[in-house]
Amino acid sequence: DRGFPDLVLTHPERHETLFIECKSETGSLSGYQLQWKHSLEN
């Protein structure tokens, strides 16, 4: 599926993973990016 976040970070000692979408100050998320955002957060 389209819209996967730009960057995935994981820390081997923290046992944490972050999904990051980068945008300019005026850039907006596409519908596909919003679907990923909501699914990952949920």
PDB file of all heavy atoms in Angstrom:
ATOM      1  N   ASP A   1       0.809  -1.216   0.000  1.00  0.00           N
ATOM      2  CA  ASP A   1       0.000   0.000   0.000  1.00  0.00           C
ATOM      3  C   ASP A   1       0.847   1.272   0.000  1.00  0.00           C
ATOM      4  O   ASP A   1       1.899   1.331   0.639  1.00  0.00           O
ATOM      5  CB  ASP A   1      -0.925  -0.010   1.223  1.00  0.00           C
ATOM      6  CG  ASP A   1      -1.906  -1.166   1.152  1.00  0.00           C
ATOM      7  OD1 ASP A   1      -2.716  -1.180   0.200  1.00  0.00           O
ATOM      8  OD2 ASP A   1      -1.847  -2.047   2.021  1.00  0.00           O
ATOM      9  N   ARG A   2       0.331   2.261  -0.686  1.00  0.00           N
ATOM     10  CA  ARG A   2       1.003   3.564  -0.783  1.00  0.00           C
ATOM     11  C   ARG A   2       0.881   4.325   0.535  1.00  0.00           C
ATOM     12  O   ARG A   2       0.022   4.040   1.354  1.00  0.00           O
ATOM     13  CB  ARG A   2       0.356   4.391  -1.899  1.00  0.00           C
ATOM     14  CG  ARG A   2       0.518   3.774  -3.263  1.00  0.00           C
ATOM     15  CD  ARG A   2      -0.262   4.511  -4.313  1.00  0.00           C
ATOM     16  NE  ARG A   2       0.175   5.909  -4.388  1.00  0.00           N
ATOM     17  CZ  ARG A   2      -0.366   6.827  -5.175  1.00  0.00           C
ATOM     18  NH1 ARG A   2      -1.372   6.494  -5.956  1.00  0.00           N
ATOM     19  NH2 ARG A   2       0.083   8.047  -5.195  1.00  0.00           N
ATOM     20  N   GLY A   3       1.767   5.307   0.716  1.00  0.00           N
ATOM     21  CA  GLY A   3       1.661   6.211   1.844  1.00  0.00           C
ATOM     22  C   GLY A   3       2.449   5.823   3.081  1.00  0.00           C
ATOM     23  O   GLY A   3       2.337   6.482   4.112  1.00  0.00           O
ATOM     24  N   PHE A   4       3.259   4.755   2.998  1.00  0.00           N
ATOM     25  CA  PHE A   4       4.050   4.339   4.162  1.00  0.00           C
ATOM     26  C   PHE A   4       4.964   5.483   4.595  1.00  0.00           C
ATOM     27  O   PHE A   4       5.470   6.224   3.756  1.00  0.00           O
ATOM     28  CB  PHE A   4       4.880   3.093   3.825  1.00  0.00           C
ATOM     29  CG  PHE A   4       5.519   2.460   5.022  1.00  0.00           C
ATOM     30  CD1 PHE A   4       4.774   1.643   5.867  1.00  0.00           C
ATOM     31  CD2 PHE A   4       6.853   2.675   5.315  1.00  0.00           C
ATOM     32  CE1 PHE A   4       5.359   1.058   6.984  1.00  0.00           C
ATOM     33  CE2 PHE A   4       7.438   2.091   6.428  1.00  0.00           C
ATOM     34  CZ  PHE A   4       6.694   1.281   7.261  1.00  0.00           C
ATOM     35  N   PRO A   5       5.194   5.649   5.908  1.00  0.00           N
ATOM     36  CA  PRO A   5       6.018   6.763   6.392  1.00  0.00           C
ATOM     37  C   PRO A   5       7.413   6.805   5.757  1.00  0.00           C
ATOM     38  O   PRO A   5       7.962   5.775   5.359  1.00  0.00           O
ATOM     39  CB  PRO A   5       6.117   6.500   7.899  1.00  0.00           C
ATOM     40  CG  PRO A   5       4.889   5.717   8.216  1.00  0.00           C
ATOM     41  CD  PRO A   5       4.643   4.864   7.011  1.00  0.00           C
ATOM     42  N   ASP A   6       7.972   8.006   5.719  1.00  0.00           N
ATOM     43  CA  ASP A   6       9.282   8.230   5.111  1.00  0.00           C
ATOM     44  C   ASP A   6      10.409   7.486   5.814  1.00  0.00           C
ATOM     45  O   ASP A   6      11.391   7.094   5.180  1.00  0.00           O
ATOM     46  CB  ASP A   6       9.643   9.727   5.150  1.00  0.00           C
ATOM     47  CG  ASP A   6       8.751  10.562   4.273  1.00  0.00           C
ATOM     48  OD1 ASP A   6       8.385  10.112   3.177  1.00  0.00           O
ATOM     49  OD2 ASP A   6       8.421  11.696   4.683  1.00  0.00           O
ATOM     50  N   LEU A   7      10.295   7.340   7.113  1.00  0.00           N
ATOM     51  CA  LEU A   7      11.422   6.861   7.901  1.00  0.00           C
ATOM     52  C   LEU A   7      10.938   5.967   9.039  1.00  0.00           C
ATOM     53  O   LEU A   7       9.935   6.270   9.680  1.00  0.00           O
ATOM     54  CB  LEU A   7      12.166   8.073   8.478  1.00  0.00           C
ATOM     55  CG  LEU A   7      13.371   7.841   9.370  1.00  0.00           C
ATOM     56  CD1 LEU A   7      14.483   7.123   8.614  1.00  0.00           C
ATOM     57  CD2 LEU A   7      13.869   9.179   9.903  1.00  0.00           C
ATOM     58  N   VAL A   8      11.667   4.885   9.276  1.00  0.00           N
ATOM     59  CA  VAL A   8      11.426   4.031  10.433  1.00  0.00           C
ATOM     60  C   VAL A   8      12.710   4.017  11.243  1.00  0.00           C
ATOM     61  O   VAL A   8      13.795   3.770  10.700  1.00  0.00           O
ATOM     62  CB  VAL A   8      11.043   2.587  10.028  1.00  0.00           C
ATOM     63  CG1 VAL A   8      10.834   1.721  11.264  1.00  0.00           C
ATOM     64  CG2 VAL A   8       9.792   2.583   9.161  1.00  0.00           C
ATOM     65  N   LEU A   9      12.591   4.313  12.529  1.00  0.00           N
ATOM     66  CA  LEU A   9      13.718   4.270  13.452  1.00  0.00           C
ATOM     67  C   LEU A   9      13.424   3.246  14.527  1.00  0.00           C
ATOM     68  O   LEU A   9      12.302   3.176  15.022  1.00  0.00           O
ATOM     69  CB  LEU A   9      13.933   5.634  14.125  1.00  0.00           C
ATOM     70  CG  LEU A   9      14.221   6.818  13.214  1.00  0.00           C
ATOM     71  CD1 LEU A   9      14.297   8.098  14.050  1.00  0.00           C
ATOM     72  CD2 LEU A   9      15.510   6.608  12.441  1.00  0.00           C
ATOM     73  N   THR A  10      14.424   2.458  14.891  1.00  0.00           N
ATOM     74  CA  THR A  10      14.280   1.524  15.995  1.00  0.00           C
ATOM     75  C   THR A  10      15.555   1.557  16.815  1.00  0.00           C
ATOM     76  O   THR A  10      16.642   1.721  16.269  1.00  0.00           O
ATOM     77  CB  THR A  10      13.936   0.098  15.501  1.00  0.00           C
ATOM     78  OG1 THR A  10      13.579  -0.718  16.611  1.00  0.00           O
ATOM     79  CG2 THR A  10      15.062  -0.536  14.724  1.00  0.00           C
ATOM     80  N   HIS A  11      15.400   1.430  18.117  1.00  0.00           N
ATOM     81  CA  HIS A  11      16.560   1.505  19.001  1.00  0.00           C
ATOM     82  C   HIS A  11      16.736   0.162  19.702  1.00  0.00           C
ATOM     83  O   HIS A  11      15.843  -0.288  20.429  1.00  0.00           O
ATOM     84  CB  HIS A  11      16.380   2.614  20.034  1.00  0.00           C
ATOM     85  CG  HIS A  11      17.653   3.038  20.667  1.00  0.00           C
ATOM     86  ND1 HIS A  11      18.337   2.239  21.556  1.00  0.00           N
ATOM     87  CD2 HIS A  11      18.391   4.165  20.521  1.00  0.00           C
ATOM     88  CE1 HIS A  11      19.433   2.866  21.949  1.00  0.00           C
ATOM     89  NE2 HIS A  11      19.500   4.029  21.332  1.00  0.00           N
ATOM     90  N   PRO A  12      17.881  -0.504  19.495  1.00  0.00           N
ATOM     91  CA  PRO A  12      18.076  -1.839  20.055  1.00  0.00           C
ATOM     92  C   PRO A  12      18.127  -1.893  21.580  1.00  0.00           C
ATOM     93  O   PRO A  12      17.821  -2.929  22.159  1.00  0.00           O
ATOM     94  CB  PRO A  12      19.412  -2.298  19.452  1.00  0.00           C
ATOM     95  CG  PRO A  12      20.062  -1.084  18.912  1.00  0.00           C
ATOM     96  CD  PRO A  12      18.998  -0.067  18.669  1.00  0.00           C
ATOM     97  N   GLU A  13      18.470  -0.806  22.242  1.00  0.00           N
ATOM     98  CA  GLU A  13      18.514  -0.802  23.707  1.00  0.00           C
ATOM     99  C   GLU A  13      17.237  -0.249  24.329  1.00  0.00           C
ATOM    100  O   GLU A  13      16.877  -0.615  25.438  1.00  0.00           O
ATOM    101  CB  GLU A  13      19.719   0.005  24.194  1.00  0.00           C
ATOM    102  CG  GLU A  13      21.049  -0.627  23.810  1.00  0.00           C
ATOM    103  CD  GLU A  13      22.231   0.252  24.141  1.00  0.00           C
ATOM    104  OE1 GLU A  13      22.107   1.101  25.031  1.00  0.00           O
ATOM    105  OE2 GLU A  13      23.270   0.088  23.482  1.00  0.00           O
ATOM    106  N   ARG A  14      16.567   0.626  23.649  1.00  0.00           N
ATOM    107  CA  ARG A  14      15.331   1.220  24.165  1.00  0.00           C
ATOM    108  C   ARG A  14      14.121   0.332  23.902  1.00  0.00           C
ATOM    109  O   ARG A  14      13.070   0.516  24.502  1.00  0.00           O
ATOM    110  CB  ARG A  14      15.077   2.581  23.502  1.00  0.00           C
ATOM    111  CG  ARG A  14      16.082   3.629  23.823  1.00  0.00           C
ATOM    112  CD  ARG A  14      15.772   4.874  22.985  1.00  0.00           C
ATOM    113  NE  ARG A  14      16.693   5.916  23.260  1.00  0.00           N
ATOM    114  CZ  ARG A  14      16.567   6.806  24.239  1.00  0.00           C
ATOM    115  NH1 ARG A  14      15.513   6.770  25.014  1.00  0.00           N
ATOM    116  NH2 ARG A  14      17.472   7.719  24.460  1.00  0.00           N
ATOM    117  N   HIS A  15      14.251  -0.550  22.916  1.00  0.00           N
ATOM    118  CA  HIS A  15      13.134  -1.420  22.513  1.00  0.00           C
ATOM    119  C   HIS A  15      11.951  -0.552  22.076  1.00  0.00           C
ATOM    120  O   HIS A  15      10.814  -0.751  22.506  1.00  0.00           O
ATOM    121  CB  HIS A  15      12.754  -2.387  23.640  1.00  0.00           C
ATOM    122  CG  HIS A  15      13.953  -3.086  24.212  1.00  0.00           C
ATOM    123  ND1 HIS A  15      14.657  -4.038  23.513  1.00  0.00           N
ATOM    124  CD2 HIS A  15      14.590  -2.934  25.395  1.00  0.00           C
ATOM    125  CE1 HIS A  15      15.674  -4.457  24.248  1.00  0.00           C
ATOM    126  NE2 HIS A  15      15.652  -3.800  25.402  1.00  0.00           N
ATOM    127  N   GLU A  16      12.258   0.430  21.259  1.00  0.00           N
ATOM    128  CA  GLU A  16      11.252   1.370  20.747  1.00  0.00           C
ATOM    129  C   GLU A  16      11.402   1.494  19.245  1.00  0.00           C
ATOM    130  O   GLU A  16      12.514   1.403  18.711  1.00  0.00           O
ATOM    131  CB  GLU A  16      11.452   2.758  21.364  1.00  0.00           C
ATOM    132  CG  GLU A  16      11.297   2.792  22.856  1.00  0.00           C
ATOM    133  CD  GLU A  16      11.661   4.151  23.453  1.00  0.00           C
ATOM    134  OE1 GLU A  16      12.473   4.889  22.874  1.00  0.00           O
ATOM    135  OE2 GLU A  16      11.104   4.447  24.508  1.00  0.00           O
ATOM    136  N   THR A  17      10.285   1.737  18.584  1.00  0.00           N
ATOM    137  CA  THR A  17      10.280   1.973  17.146  1.00  0.00           C
ATOM    138  C   THR A  17       9.406   3.187  16.863  1.00  0.00           C
ATOM    139  O   THR A  17       8.318   3.312  17.428  1.00  0.00           O
ATOM    140  CB  THR A  17       9.744   0.738  16.387  1.00  0.00           C
ATOM    141  OG1 THR A  17      10.592  -0.379  16.686  1.00  0.00           O
ATOM    142  CG2 THR A  17       9.719   0.970  14.888  1.00  0.00           C
ATOM    143  N   LEU A  18       9.901   4.070  15.997  1.00  0.00           N
ATOM    144  CA  LEU A  18       9.167   5.274  15.610  1.00  0.00           C
ATOM    145  C   LEU A  18       8.954   5.263  14.101  1.00  0.00           C
ATOM    146  O   LEU A  18       9.852   4.873  13.344  1.00  0.00           O
ATOM    147  CB  LEU A  18       9.963   6.540  15.960  1.00  0.00           C
ATOM    148  CG  LEU A  18       9.974   7.030  17.388  1.00  0.00           C
ATOM    149  CD1 LEU A  18      10.676   6.062  18.302  1.00  0.00           C
ATOM    150  CD2 LEU A  18      10.650   8.379  17.449  1.00  0.00           C
ATOM    151  N   PHE A  19       7.792   5.690  13.683  1.00  0.00           N
ATOM    152  CA  PHE A  19       7.476   5.882  12.271  1.00  0.00           C
ATOM    153  C   PHE A  19       7.380   7.384  12.051  1.00  0.00           C
ATOM    154  O   PHE A  19       6.649   8.066  12.783  1.00  0.00           O
ATOM    155  CB  PHE A  19       6.146   5.201  11.916  1.00  0.00           C
ATOM    156  CG  PHE A  19       6.205   3.702  12.046  1.00  0.00           C
ATOM    157  CD1 PHE A  19       5.957   3.080  13.261  1.00  0.00           C
ATOM    158  CD2 PHE A  19       6.520   2.919  10.949  1.00  0.00           C
ATOM    159  CE1 PHE A  19       6.024   1.702  13.395  1.00  0.00           C
ATOM    160  CE2 PHE A  19       6.584   1.530  11.068  1.00  0.00           C
ATOM    161  CZ  PHE A  19       6.336   0.926  12.294  1.00  0.00           C
ATOM    162  N   ILE A  20       8.103   7.895  11.071  1.00  0.00           N
ATOM    163  CA  ILE A  20       8.209   9.343  10.895  1.00  0.00           C
ATOM    164  C   ILE A  20       7.857   9.742   9.468  1.00  0.00           C
ATOM    165  O   ILE A  20       8.391   9.189   8.501  1.00  0.00           O
ATOM    166  CB  ILE A  20       9.636   9.821  11.237  1.00  0.00           C
ATOM    167  CG1 ILE A  20       9.937   9.487  12.707  1.00  0.00           C
ATOM    168  CG2 ILE A  20       9.800  11.304  10.957  1.00  0.00           C
ATOM    169  CD1 ILE A  20      11.364   9.711  13.113  1.00  0.00           C
ATOM    170  N   GLU A  21       6.976  10.713   9.359  1.00  0.00           N
ATOM    171  CA  GLU A  21       6.638  11.336   8.083  1.00  0.00           C
ATOM    172  C   GLU A  21       7.197  12.747   8.107  1.00  0.00           C
ATOM    173  O   GLU A  21       6.931  13.506   9.038  1.00  0.00           O
ATOM    174  CB  GLU A  21       5.122  11.359   7.879  1.00  0.00           C
ATOM    175  CG  GLU A  21       4.692  11.906   6.538  1.00  0.00           C
ATOM    176  CD  GLU A  21       5.187  11.061   5.368  1.00  0.00           C
ATOM    177  OE1 GLU A  21       5.145   9.821   5.447  1.00  0.00           O
ATOM    178  OE2 GLU A  21       5.611  11.670   4.359  1.00  0.00           O
ATOM    179  N   CYS A  22       7.997  13.107   7.119  1.00  0.00           N
ATOM    180  CA  CYS A  22       8.596  14.441   7.031  1.00  0.00           C
ATOM    181  C   CYS A  22       7.815  15.301   6.044  1.00  0.00           C
ATOM    182  O   CYS A  22       7.492  14.844   4.949  1.00  0.00           O
ATOM    183  CB  CYS A  22      10.050  14.353   6.572  1.00  0.00           C
ATOM    184  SG  CYS A  22      11.122  13.494   7.715  1.00  0.00           S
ATOM    185  N   LYS A  23       7.546  16.523   6.451  1.00  0.00           N
ATOM    186  CA  LYS A  23       6.843  17.476   5.588  1.00  0.00           C
ATOM    187  C   LYS A  23       7.450  18.856   5.779  1.00  0.00           C
ATOM    188  O   LYS A  23       7.970  19.180   6.843  1.00  0.00           O
ATOM    189  CB  LYS A  23       5.345  17.553   5.936  1.00  0.00           C
ATOM    190  CG  LYS A  23       4.550  16.316   5.615  1.00  0.00           C
ATOM    191  CD  LYS A  23       4.390  16.140   4.131  1.00  0.00           C
ATOM    192  CE  LYS A  23       3.556  14.913   3.802  1.00  0.00           C
ATOM    193  NZ  LYS A  23       3.649  14.558   2.403  1.00  0.00           N
ATOM    194  N   SER A  24       7.332  19.679   4.741  1.00  0.00           N
ATOM    195  CA  SER A  24       7.691  21.085   4.873  1.00  0.00           C
ATOM    196  C   SER A  24       6.673  21.737   5.799  1.00  0.00           C
ATOM    197  O   SER A  24       5.675  21.109   6.183  1.00  0.00           O
ATOM    198  CB  SER A  24       7.673  21.763   3.501  1.00  0.00           C
ATOM    199  OG  SER A  24       6.337  21.805   3.016  1.00  0.00           O
ATOM    200  N   GLU A  25       6.885  22.990   6.138  1.00  0.00           N
ATOM    201  CA  GLU A  25       5.936  23.677   7.031  1.00  0.00           C
ATOM    202  C   GLU A  25       4.537  23.744   6.429  1.00  0.00           C
ATOM    203  O   GLU A  25       3.546  23.785   7.146  1.00  0.00           O
ATOM    204  CB  GLU A  25       6.429  25.088   7.370  1.00  0.00           C
ATOM    205  CG  GLU A  25       7.661  25.121   8.248  1.00  0.00           C
ATOM    206  CD  GLU A  25       7.489  24.472   9.614  1.00  0.00           C
ATOM    207  OE1 GLU A  25       6.347  24.253  10.063  1.00  0.00           O
ATOM    208  OE2 GLU A  25       8.516  24.161  10.227  1.00  0.00           O
ATOM    209  N   THR A  26       4.443  23.729   5.107  1.00  0.00           N
ATOM    210  CA  THR A  26       3.132  23.861   4.460  1.00  0.00           C
ATOM    211  C   THR A  26       2.640  22.568   3.806  1.00  0.00           C
ATOM    212  O   THR A  26       1.525  22.520   3.312  1.00  0.00           O
ATOM    213  CB  THR A  26       3.171  24.974   3.393  1.00  0.00           C
ATOM    214  OG1 THR A  26       4.188  24.652   2.431  1.00  0.00           O
ATOM    215  CG2 THR A  26       3.476  26.324   4.029  1.00  0.00           C
ATOM    216  N   GLY A  27       3.477  21.521   3.821  1.00  0.00           N
ATOM    217  CA  GLY A  27       3.089  20.265   3.185  1.00  0.00           C
ATOM    218  C   GLY A  27       1.945  19.585   3.917  1.00  0.00           C
ATOM    219  O   GLY A  27       1.805  19.713   5.132  1.00  0.00           O
ATOM    220  N   SER A  28       1.121  18.859   3.181  1.00  0.00           N
ATOM    221  CA  SER A  28      -0.017  18.174   3.803  1.00  0.00           C
ATOM    222  C   SER A  28       0.078  16.673   3.551  1.00  0.00           C
ATOM    223  O   SER A  28       0.705  16.221   2.601  1.00  0.00           O
ATOM    224  CB  SER A  28      -1.335  18.724   3.271  1.00  0.00           C
ATOM    225  OG  SER A  28      -1.408  18.548   1.872  1.00  0.00           O
ATOM    226  N   LEU A  29      -0.562  15.914   4.425  1.00  0.00           N
ATOM    227  CA  LEU A  29      -0.582  14.468   4.297  1.00  0.00           C
ATOM    228  C   LEU A  29      -1.602  14.042   3.245  1.00  0.00           C
ATOM    229  O   LEU A  29      -2.696  14.600   3.165  1.00  0.00           O
ATOM    230  CB  LEU A  29      -0.955  13.827   5.635  1.00  0.00           C
ATOM    231  CG  LEU A  29       0.025  14.026   6.786  1.00  0.00           C
ATOM    232  CD1 LEU A  29      -0.587  13.497   8.088  1.00  0.00           C
ATOM    233  CD2 LEU A  29       1.335  13.331   6.504  1.00  0.00           C
ATOM    234  N   SER A  30      -1.236  13.023   2.477  1.00  0.00           N
ATOM    235  CA  SER A  30      -2.182  12.466   1.508  1.00  0.00           C
ATOM    236  C   SER A  30      -3.156  11.553   2.253  1.00  0.00           C
ATOM    237  O   SER A  30      -2.928  11.176   3.411  1.00  0.00           O
ATOM    238  CB  SER A  30      -1.424  11.662   0.444  1.00  0.00           C
ATOM    239  OG  SER A  30      -0.925  10.453   1.003  1.00  0.00           O
ATOM    240  N   GLY A  31      -4.207  11.173   1.579  1.00  0.00           N
ATOM    241  CA  GLY A  31      -5.158  10.226   2.166  1.00  0.00           C
ATOM    242  C   GLY A  31      -4.484   8.904   2.509  1.00  0.00           C
ATOM    243  O   GLY A  31      -4.781   8.295   3.540  1.00  0.00           O
ATOM    244  N   TYR A  32      -3.552   8.459   1.657  1.00  0.00           N
ATOM    245  CA  TYR A  32      -2.834   7.213   1.918  1.00  0.00           C
ATOM    246  C   TYR A  32      -1.976   7.337   3.181  1.00  0.00           C
ATOM    247  O   TYR A  32      -1.912   6.416   3.997  1.00  0.00           O
ATOM    248  CB  TYR A  32      -1.925   6.859   0.736  1.00  0.00           C
ATOM    249  CG  TYR A  32      -2.662   6.624  -0.554  1.00  0.00           C
ATOM    250  CD1 TYR A  32      -2.522   7.508  -1.622  1.00  0.00           C
ATOM    251  CD2 TYR A  32      -3.497   5.516  -0.713  1.00  0.00           C
ATOM    252  CE1 TYR A  32      -3.185   7.296  -2.818  1.00  0.00           C
ATOM    253  CE2 TYR A  32      -4.175   5.291  -1.908  1.00  0.00           C
ATOM    254  CZ  TYR A  32      -4.016   6.187  -2.951  1.00  0.00           C
ATOM    255  OH  TYR A  32      -4.676   5.974  -4.126  1.00  0.00           O
ATOM    256  N   GLN A  33      -1.314   8.480   3.336  1.00  0.00           N
ATOM    257  CA  GLN A  33      -0.483   8.707   4.524  1.00  0.00           C
ATOM    258  C   GLN A  33      -1.331   8.758   5.790  1.00  0.00           C
ATOM    259  O   GLN A  33      -0.932   8.247   6.834  1.00  0.00           O
ATOM    260  CB  GLN A  33       0.337   9.987   4.364  1.00  0.00           C
ATOM    261  CG  GLN A  33       1.413   9.848   3.302  1.00  0.00           C
ATOM    262  CD  GLN A  33       2.050  11.161   2.934  1.00  0.00           C
ATOM    263  OE1 GLN A  33       1.405  12.218   2.943  1.00  0.00           O
ATOM    264  NE2 GLN A  33       3.332  11.126   2.602  1.00  0.00           N
ATOM    265  N   LEU A  34      -2.514   9.345   5.692  1.00  0.00           N
ATOM    266  CA  LEU A  34      -3.422   9.384   6.841  1.00  0.00           C
ATOM    267  C   LEU A  34      -3.887   7.985   7.245  1.00  0.00           C
ATOM    268  O   LEU A  34      -4.019   7.681   8.425  1.00  0.00           O
ATOM    269  CB  LEU A  34      -4.626  10.286   6.548  1.00  0.00           C
ATOM    270  CG  LEU A  34      -4.331  11.784   6.553  1.00  0.00           C
ATOM    271  CD1 LEU A  34      -5.519  12.567   5.990  1.00  0.00           C
ATOM    272  CD2 LEU A  34      -3.984  12.249   7.960  1.00  0.00           C
ATOM    273  N   GLN A  35      -4.120   7.120   6.245  1.00  0.00           N
ATOM    274  CA  GLN A  35      -4.510   5.739   6.552  1.00  0.00           C
ATOM    275  C   GLN A  35      -3.408   5.041   7.341  1.00  0.00           C
ATOM    276  O   GLN A  35      -3.688   4.354   8.332  1.00  0.00           O
ATOM    277  CB  GLN A  35      -4.798   4.953   5.268  1.00  0.00           C
ATOM    278  CG  GLN A  35      -6.109   5.293   4.628  1.00  0.00           C
ATOM    279  CD  GLN A  35      -6.330   4.478   3.370  1.00  0.00           C
ATOM    280  OE1 GLN A  35      -5.408   4.203   2.601  1.00  0.00           O
ATOM    281  NE2 GLN A  35      -7.575   4.085   3.152  1.00  0.00           N
ATOM    282  N   TRP A  36      -2.160   5.189   6.907  1.00  0.00           N
ATOM    283  CA  TRP A  36      -1.038   4.589   7.626  1.00  0.00           C
ATOM    284  C   TRP A  36      -0.935   5.170   9.029  1.00  0.00           C
ATOM    285  O   TRP A  36      -0.736   4.434  10.002  1.00  0.00           O
ATOM    286  CB  TRP A  36       0.271   4.791   6.861  1.00  0.00           C
ATOM    287  CG  TRP A  36       0.505   3.744   5.825  1.00  0.00           C
ATOM    288  CD1 TRP A  36       0.342   3.865   4.477  1.00  0.00           C
ATOM    289  CD2 TRP A  36       0.943   2.406   6.042  1.00  0.00           C
ATOM    290  NE1 TRP A  36       0.647   2.689   3.852  1.00  0.00           N
ATOM    291  CE2 TRP A  36       1.029   1.768   4.792  1.00  0.00           C
ATOM    292  CE3 TRP A  36       1.273   1.676   7.177  1.00  0.00           C
ATOM    293  CZ2 TRP A  36       1.429   0.443   4.644  1.00  0.00           C
ATOM    294  CZ3 TRP A  36       1.683   0.362   7.036  1.00  0.00           C
ATOM    295  CH2 TRP A  36       1.755  -0.244   5.776  1.00  0.00           C
ATOM    296  N   LYS A  37      -1.038   6.488   9.144  1.00  0.00           N
ATOM    297  CA  LYS A  37      -0.953   7.169  10.445  1.00  0.00           C
ATOM    298  C   LYS A  37      -1.969   6.565  11.414  1.00  0.00           C
ATOM    299  O   LYS A  37      -1.624   6.152  12.519  1.00  0.00           O
ATOM    300  CB  LYS A  37      -1.212   8.663  10.295  1.00  0.00           C
ATOM    301  CG  LYS A  37      -1.350   9.425  11.613  1.00  0.00           C
ATOM    302  CD  LYS A  37      -1.908  10.829  11.367  1.00  0.00           C
ATOM    303  CE  LYS A  37      -2.003  11.675  12.588  1.00  0.00           C
ATOM    304  NZ  LYS A  37      -2.729  11.141  13.721  1.00  0.00           N
ATOM    305  N   HIS A  38      -3.228   6.518  11.006  1.00  0.00           N
ATOM    306  CA  HIS A  38      -4.296   6.021  11.876  1.00  0.00           C
ATOM    307  C   HIS A  38      -4.103   4.543  12.215  1.00  0.00           C
ATOM    308  O   HIS A  38      -4.287   4.133  13.363  1.00  0.00           O
ATOM    309  CB  HIS A  38      -5.665   6.267  11.259  1.00  0.00           C
ATOM    310  CG  HIS A  38      -6.000   7.715  11.118  1.00  0.00           C
ATOM    311  ND1 HIS A  38      -5.965   8.609  12.165  1.00  0.00           N
ATOM    312  CD2 HIS A  38      -6.356   8.450  10.035  1.00  0.00           C
ATOM    313  CE1 HIS A  38      -6.277   9.815  11.745  1.00  0.00           C
ATOM    314  NE2 HIS A  38      -6.523   9.750  10.451  1.00  0.00           N
ATOM    315  N   SER A  39      -3.726   3.741  11.234  1.00  0.00           N
ATOM    316  CA  SER A  39      -3.536   2.317  11.488  1.00  0.00           C
ATOM    317  C   SER A  39      -2.377   2.075  12.449  1.00  0.00           C
ATOM    318  O   SER A  39      -2.490   1.275  13.385  1.00  0.00           O
ATOM    319  CB  SER A  39      -3.297   1.576  10.176  1.00  0.00           C
ATOM    320  OG  SER A  39      -3.178   0.195  10.426  1.00  0.00           O
ATOM    321  N   LEU A  40      -1.257   2.762  12.242  1.00  0.00           N
ATOM    322  CA  LEU A  40      -0.104   2.593  13.132  1.00  0.00           C
ATOM    323  C   LEU A  40      -0.413   3.068  14.549  1.00  0.00           C
ATOM    324  O   LEU A  40      -0.127   2.368  15.526  1.00  0.00           O
ATOM    325  CB  LEU A  40       1.118   3.330  12.565  1.00  0.00           C
ATOM    326  CG  LEU A  40       1.721   2.693  11.316  1.00  0.00           C
ATOM    327  CD1 LEU A  40       2.701   3.644  10.647  1.00  0.00           C
ATOM    328  CD2 LEU A  40       2.390   1.367  11.649  1.00  0.00           C
ATOM    329  N   GLU A  41      -1.014   4.244  14.672  1.00  0.00           N
ATOM    330  CA  GLU A  41      -1.352   4.767  16.000  1.00  0.00           C
ATOM    331  C   GLU A  41      -2.365   3.869  16.710  1.00  0.00           C
ATOM    332  O   GLU A  41      -2.241   3.617  17.912  1.00  0.00           O
ATOM    333  CB  GLU A  41      -1.871   6.201  15.908  1.00  0.00           C
ATOM    334  CG  GLU A  41      -0.790   7.204  15.581  1.00  0.00           C
ATOM    335  CD  GLU A  41      -1.294   8.624  15.470  1.00  0.00           C
ATOM    336  OE1 GLU A  41      -2.493   8.837  15.153  1.00  0.00           O
ATOM    337  OE2 GLU A  41      -0.489   9.534  15.682  1.00  0.00           O
ATOM    338  N   ASN A  42      -3.366   3.380  15.977  1.00  0.00           N
ATOM    339  CA  ASN A  42      -4.369   2.498  16.582  1.00  0.00           C
ATOM    340  C   ASN A  42      -3.780   1.148  16.990  1.00  0.00           C
ATOM    341  O   ASN A  42      -4.368   0.437  17.806  1.00  0.00           O
ATOM    342  CB  ASN A  42      -5.551   2.295  15.632  1.00  0.00           C
ATOM    343  CG  ASN A  42      -6.378   3.548  15.487  1.00  0.00           C
ATOM    344  OD1 ASN A  42      -6.372   4.413  16.355  1.00  0.00           O
ATOM    345  ND2 ASN A  42      -7.082   3.665  14.377  1.00  0.00           N
TER     346      ASN A  42
END
